[in-house]
Amino acid sequence: MQYSLLDNGVDSLKAAYNCIIKIPELREGLEHNIKDAVLSLNHAVERFYLN
């Protein structure tokens, strides 16, 4: 599977969004979910900056 930088950034942005919308309903793993959201958002920003 190959992604362009833009597609890769969009995919990471979607992953961050999915992590963020789950936060209110989580009872366990909140810290891990927040970490995943931050890392995915950082990755998305890097991809958009490089594009």
PDB file of N, CA and C in Angstrom:
ATOM      1  N   MET A   1       0.852  -1.162   0.000  1.00  0.00           N
ATOM      2  CA  MET A   1       0.000   0.000   0.000  1.00  0.00           C
ATOM      3  C   MET A   1       0.905   1.235   0.000  1.00  0.00           C
ATOM      4  N   GLN A   2       0.584   2.190  -0.862  1.00  0.00           N
ATOM      5  CA  GLN A   2       1.335   3.439  -0.909  1.00  0.00           C
ATOM      6  C   GLN A   2       0.379   4.617  -0.768  1.00  0.00           C
ATOM      7  N   TYR A   3       0.791   5.554   0.066  1.00  0.00           N
ATOM      8  CA  TYR A   3       0.043   6.793   0.256  1.00  0.00           C
ATOM      9  C   TYR A   3       0.907   7.956  -0.206  1.00  0.00           C
ATOM     10  N   SER A   4       0.284   8.951  -0.777  1.00  0.00           N
ATOM     11  CA  SER A   4       1.005  10.199  -1.007  1.00  0.00           C
ATOM     12  C   SER A   4       1.125  10.903   0.353  1.00  0.00           C
ATOM     13  N   LEU A   5       1.946  11.933   0.416  1.00  0.00           N
ATOM     14  CA  LEU A   5       2.076  12.666   1.679  1.00  0.00           C
ATOM     15  C   LEU A   5       0.742  13.240   2.125  1.00  0.00           C
ATOM     16  N   LEU A   6      -0.025  13.751   1.171  1.00  0.00           N
ATOM     17  CA  LEU A   6      -1.328  14.323   1.502  1.00  0.00           C
ATOM     18  C   LEU A   6      -2.288  13.249   2.014  1.00  0.00           C
ATOM     19  N   ASP A   7      -2.365  12.112   1.329  1.00  0.00           N
ATOM     20  CA  ASP A   7      -3.238  11.021   1.771  1.00  0.00           C
ATOM     21  C   ASP A   7      -2.814  10.488   3.136  1.00  0.00           C
ATOM     22  N   ASN A   8      -1.517  10.425   3.353  1.00  0.00           N
ATOM     23  CA  ASN A   8      -0.995   9.969   4.633  1.00  0.00           C
ATOM     24  C   ASN A   8      -1.404  10.932   5.746  1.00  0.00           C
ATOM     25  N   GLY A   9      -1.315  12.224   5.475  1.00  0.00           N
ATOM     26  CA  GLY A   9      -1.722  13.229   6.457  1.00  0.00           C
ATOM     27  C   GLY A   9      -3.206  13.175   6.760  1.00  0.00           C
ATOM     28  N   VAL A  10      -4.018  12.998   5.730  1.00  0.00           N
ATOM     29  CA  VAL A  10      -5.467  12.900   5.922  1.00  0.00           C
ATOM     30  C   VAL A  10      -5.804  11.664   6.749  1.00  0.00           C
ATOM     31  N   ASP A  11      -5.142  10.555   6.479  1.00  0.00           N
ATOM     32  CA  ASP A  11      -5.373   9.330   7.237  1.00  0.00           C
ATOM     33  C   ASP A  11      -5.024   9.523   8.711  1.00  0.00           C
ATOM     34  N   SER A  12      -3.921  10.185   8.988  1.00  0.00           N
ATOM     35  CA  SER A  12      -3.530  10.454  10.374  1.00  0.00           C
ATOM     36  C   SER A  12      -4.487  11.423  11.049  1.00  0.00           C
ATOM     37  N   LEU A  13      -4.978  12.392  10.302  1.00  0.00           N
ATOM     38  CA  LEU A  13      -5.953  13.332  10.853  1.00  0.00           C
ATOM     39  C   LEU A  13      -7.258  12.613  11.216  1.00  0.00           C
ATOM     40  N   LYS A  14      -7.682  11.681  10.380  1.00  0.00           N
ATOM     41  CA  LYS A  14      -8.871  10.875  10.679  1.00  0.00           C
ATOM     42  C   LYS A  14      -8.647  10.028  11.934  1.00  0.00           C
ATOM     43  N   ALA A  15      -7.439   9.461  12.066  1.00  0.00           N
ATOM     44  CA  ALA A  15      -7.132   8.653  13.244  1.00  0.00           C
ATOM     45  C   ALA A  15      -7.183   9.505  14.512  1.00  0.00           C
ATOM     46  N   ALA A  16      -6.647  10.722  14.443  1.00  0.00           N
ATOM     47  CA  ALA A  16      -6.691  11.630  15.596  1.00  0.00           C
ATOM     48  C   ALA A  16      -8.128  11.976  15.945  1.00  0.00           C
ATOM     49  N   TYR A  17      -8.933  12.266  14.940  1.00  0.00           N
ATOM     50  CA  TYR A  17     -10.340  12.597  15.159  1.00  0.00           C
ATOM     51  C   TYR A  17     -11.069  11.426  15.825  1.00  0.00           C
ATOM     52  N   ASN A  18     -10.837  10.226  15.330  1.00  0.00           N
ATOM     53  CA  ASN A  18     -11.487   9.046  15.906  1.00  0.00           C
ATOM     54  C   ASN A  18     -11.097   8.849  17.368  1.00  0.00           C
ATOM     55  N   CYS A  19      -9.857   9.116  17.709  1.00  0.00           N
ATOM     56  CA  CYS A  19      -9.422   9.018  19.107  1.00  0.00           C
ATOM     57  C   CYS A  19     -10.101  10.085  19.967  1.00  0.00           C
ATOM     58  N   ILE A  20     -10.191  11.283  19.439  1.00  0.00           N
ATOM     59  CA  ILE A  20     -10.754  12.401  20.207  1.00  0.00           C
ATOM     60  C   ILE A  20     -12.244  12.208  20.478  1.00  0.00           C
ATOM     61  N   ILE A  21     -12.992  11.727  19.498  1.00  0.00           N
ATOM     62  CA  ILE A  21     -14.432  11.585  19.713  1.00  0.00           C
ATOM     63  C   ILE A  21     -14.766  10.448  20.678  1.00  0.00           C
ATOM     64  N   LYS A  22     -13.826   9.522  20.898  1.00  0.00           N
ATOM     65  CA  LYS A  22     -14.056   8.427  21.850  1.00  0.00           C
ATOM     66  C   LYS A  22     -13.825   8.843  23.297  1.00  0.00           C
ATOM     67  N   ILE A  23     -13.139   9.949  23.519  1.00  0.00           N
ATOM     68  CA  ILE A  23     -12.725  10.340  24.870  1.00  0.00           C
ATOM     69  C   ILE A  23     -13.881  10.414  25.866  1.00  0.00           C
ATOM     70  N   PRO A  24     -15.018  11.048  25.549  1.00  0.00           N
ATOM     71  CA  PRO A  24     -16.089  11.164  26.555  1.00  0.00           C
ATOM     72  C   PRO A  24     -16.656   9.821  27.037  1.00  0.00           C
ATOM     73  N   GLU A  25     -16.611   8.792  26.222  1.00  0.00           N
ATOM     74  CA  GLU A  25     -17.212   7.516  26.607  1.00  0.00           C
ATOM     75  C   GLU A  25     -16.231   6.514  27.208  1.00  0.00           C
ATOM     76  N   LEU A  26     -14.959   6.869  27.263  1.00  0.00           N
ATOM     77  CA  LEU A  26     -13.962   5.931  27.787  1.00  0.00           C
ATOM     78  C   LEU A  26     -13.997   5.857  29.307  1.00  0.00           C
ATOM     79  N   ARG A  27     -13.885   4.658  29.803  1.00  0.00           N
ATOM     80  CA  ARG A  27     -13.762   4.433  31.241  1.00  0.00           C
ATOM     81  C   ARG A  27     -12.349   3.971  31.589  1.00  0.00           C
ATOM     82  N   GLU A  28     -11.699   3.318  30.647  1.00  0.00           N
ATOM     83  CA  GLU A  28     -10.320   2.862  30.823  1.00  0.00           C
ATOM     84  C   GLU A  28      -9.506   3.269  29.594  1.00  0.00           C
ATOM     85  N   GLY A  29      -8.213   3.421  29.786  1.00  0.00           N
ATOM     86  CA  GLY A  29      -7.336   3.713  28.670  1.00  0.00           C
ATOM     87  C   GLY A  29      -7.383   5.142  28.174  1.00  0.00           C
ATOM     88  N   LEU A  30      -7.858   6.050  29.012  1.00  0.00           N
ATOM     89  CA  LEU A  30      -7.981   7.450  28.591  1.00  0.00           C
ATOM     90  C   LEU A  30      -6.613   8.033  28.210  1.00  0.00           C
ATOM     91  N   GLU A  31      -5.617   7.801  29.051  1.00  0.00           N
ATOM     92  CA  GLU A  31      -4.285   8.362  28.783  1.00  0.00           C
ATOM     93  C   GLU A  31      -3.721   7.823  27.469  1.00  0.00           C
ATOM     94  N   HIS A  32      -3.896   6.528  27.246  1.00  0.00           N
ATOM     95  CA  HIS A  32      -3.395   5.917  26.018  1.00  0.00           C
ATOM     96  C   HIS A  32      -4.107   6.509  24.798  1.00  0.00           C
ATOM     97  N   ASN A  33      -5.395   6.708  24.895  1.00  0.00           N
ATOM     98  CA  ASN A  33      -6.171   7.262  23.798  1.00  0.00           C
ATOM     99  C   ASN A  33      -5.765   8.704  23.499  1.00  0.00           C
ATOM    100  N   ILE A  34      -5.533   9.479  24.546  1.00  0.00           N
ATOM    101  CA  ILE A  34      -5.083  10.866  24.352  1.00  0.00           C
ATOM    102  C   ILE A  34      -3.702  10.878  23.695  1.00  0.00           C
ATOM    103  N   LYS A  35      -2.831   9.974  24.142  1.00  0.00           N
ATOM    104  CA  LYS A  35      -1.494   9.878  23.542  1.00  0.00           C
ATOM    105  C   LYS A  35      -1.604   9.541  22.057  1.00  0.00           C
ATOM    106  N   ASP A  36      -2.456   8.594  21.702  1.00  0.00           N
ATOM    107  CA  ASP A  36      -2.639   8.234  20.295  1.00  0.00           C
ATOM    108  C   ASP A  36      -3.163   9.419  19.485  1.00  0.00           C
ATOM    109  N   ALA A  37      -4.080  10.186  20.065  1.00  0.00           N
ATOM    110  CA  ALA A  37      -4.621  11.355  19.372  1.00  0.00           C
ATOM    111  C   ALA A  37      -3.531  12.391  19.120  1.00  0.00           C
ATOM    112  N   VAL A  38      -2.720  12.645  20.114  1.00  0.00           N
ATOM    113  CA  VAL A  38      -1.643  13.634  19.973  1.00  0.00           C
ATOM    114  C   VAL A  38      -0.618  13.180  18.937  1.00  0.00           C
ATOM    115  N   LEU A  39      -0.226  11.913  18.992  1.00  0.00           N
ATOM    116  CA  LEU A  39       0.757  11.404  18.028  1.00  0.00           C
ATOM    117  C   LEU A  39       0.209  11.422  16.602  1.00  0.00           C
ATOM    118  N   SER A  40      -1.041  11.039  16.440  1.00  0.00           N
ATOM    119  CA  SER A  40      -1.645  11.057  15.105  1.00  0.00           C
ATOM    120  C   SER A  40      -1.771  12.480  14.579  1.00  0.00           C
ATOM    121  N   LEU A  41      -2.165  13.413  15.447  1.00  0.00           N
ATOM    122  CA  LEU A  41      -2.279  14.808  15.037  1.00  0.00           C
ATOM    123  C   LEU A  41      -0.908  15.375  14.659  1.00  0.00           C
ATOM    124  N   ASN A  42       0.108  15.048  15.440  1.00  0.00           N
ATOM    125  CA  ASN A  42       1.467  15.489  15.126  1.00  0.00           C
ATOM    126  C   ASN A  42       1.911  14.935  13.769  1.00  0.00           C
ATOM    127  N   HIS A  43       1.632  13.674  13.528  1.00  0.00           N
ATOM    128  CA  HIS A  43       2.001  13.053  12.257  1.00  0.00           C
ATOM    129  C   HIS A  43       1.273  13.735  11.096  1.00  0.00           C
ATOM    130  N   ALA A  44      -0.004  14.033  11.285  1.00  0.00           N
ATOM    131  CA  ALA A  44      -0.777  14.701  10.238  1.00  0.00           C
ATOM    132  C   ALA A  44      -0.185  16.075   9.919  1.00  0.00           C
ATOM    133  N   VAL A  45       0.152  16.831  10.943  1.00  0.00           N
ATOM    134  CA  VAL A  45       0.723  18.164  10.737  1.00  0.00           C
ATOM    135  C   VAL A  45       2.054  18.057   9.998  1.00  0.00           C
ATOM    136  N   GLU A  46       2.879  17.081  10.358  1.00  0.00           N
ATOM    137  CA  GLU A  46       4.150  16.887   9.660  1.00  0.00           C
ATOM    138  C   GLU A  46       3.922  16.593   8.184  1.00  0.00           C
ATOM    139  N   ARG A  47       2.963  15.728   7.888  1.00  0.00           N
ATOM    140  CA  ARG A  47       2.695  15.362   6.485  1.00  0.00           C
ATOM    141  C   ARG A  47       2.201  16.573   5.710  1.00  0.00           C
ATOM    142  N   PHE A  48       1.304  17.378   6.305  1.00  0.00           N
ATOM    143  CA  PHE A  48       0.790  18.549   5.604  1.00  0.00           C
ATOM    144  C   PHE A  48       1.890  19.600   5.414  1.00  0.00           C
ATOM    145  N   TYR A  49       2.778  19.700   6.387  1.00  0.00           N
ATOM    146  CA  TYR A  49       3.880  20.663   6.277  1.00  0.00           C
ATOM    147  C   TYR A  49       4.834  20.257   5.163  1.00  0.00           C
ATOM    148  N   LEU A  50       5.092  18.963   5.014  1.00  0.00           N
ATOM    149  CA  LEU A  50       6.012  18.488   3.987  1.00  0.00           C
ATOM    150  C   LEU A  50       5.403  18.535   2.589  1.00  0.00           C
ATOM    151  N   ASN A  51       4.073  18.545   2.530  1.00  0.00           N
ATOM    152  CA  ASN A  51       3.407  18.536   1.238  1.00  0.00           C
ATOM    153  C   ASN A  51       3.447  19.894   0.660  1.00  0.00           C
TER     154      ASN A  51
END
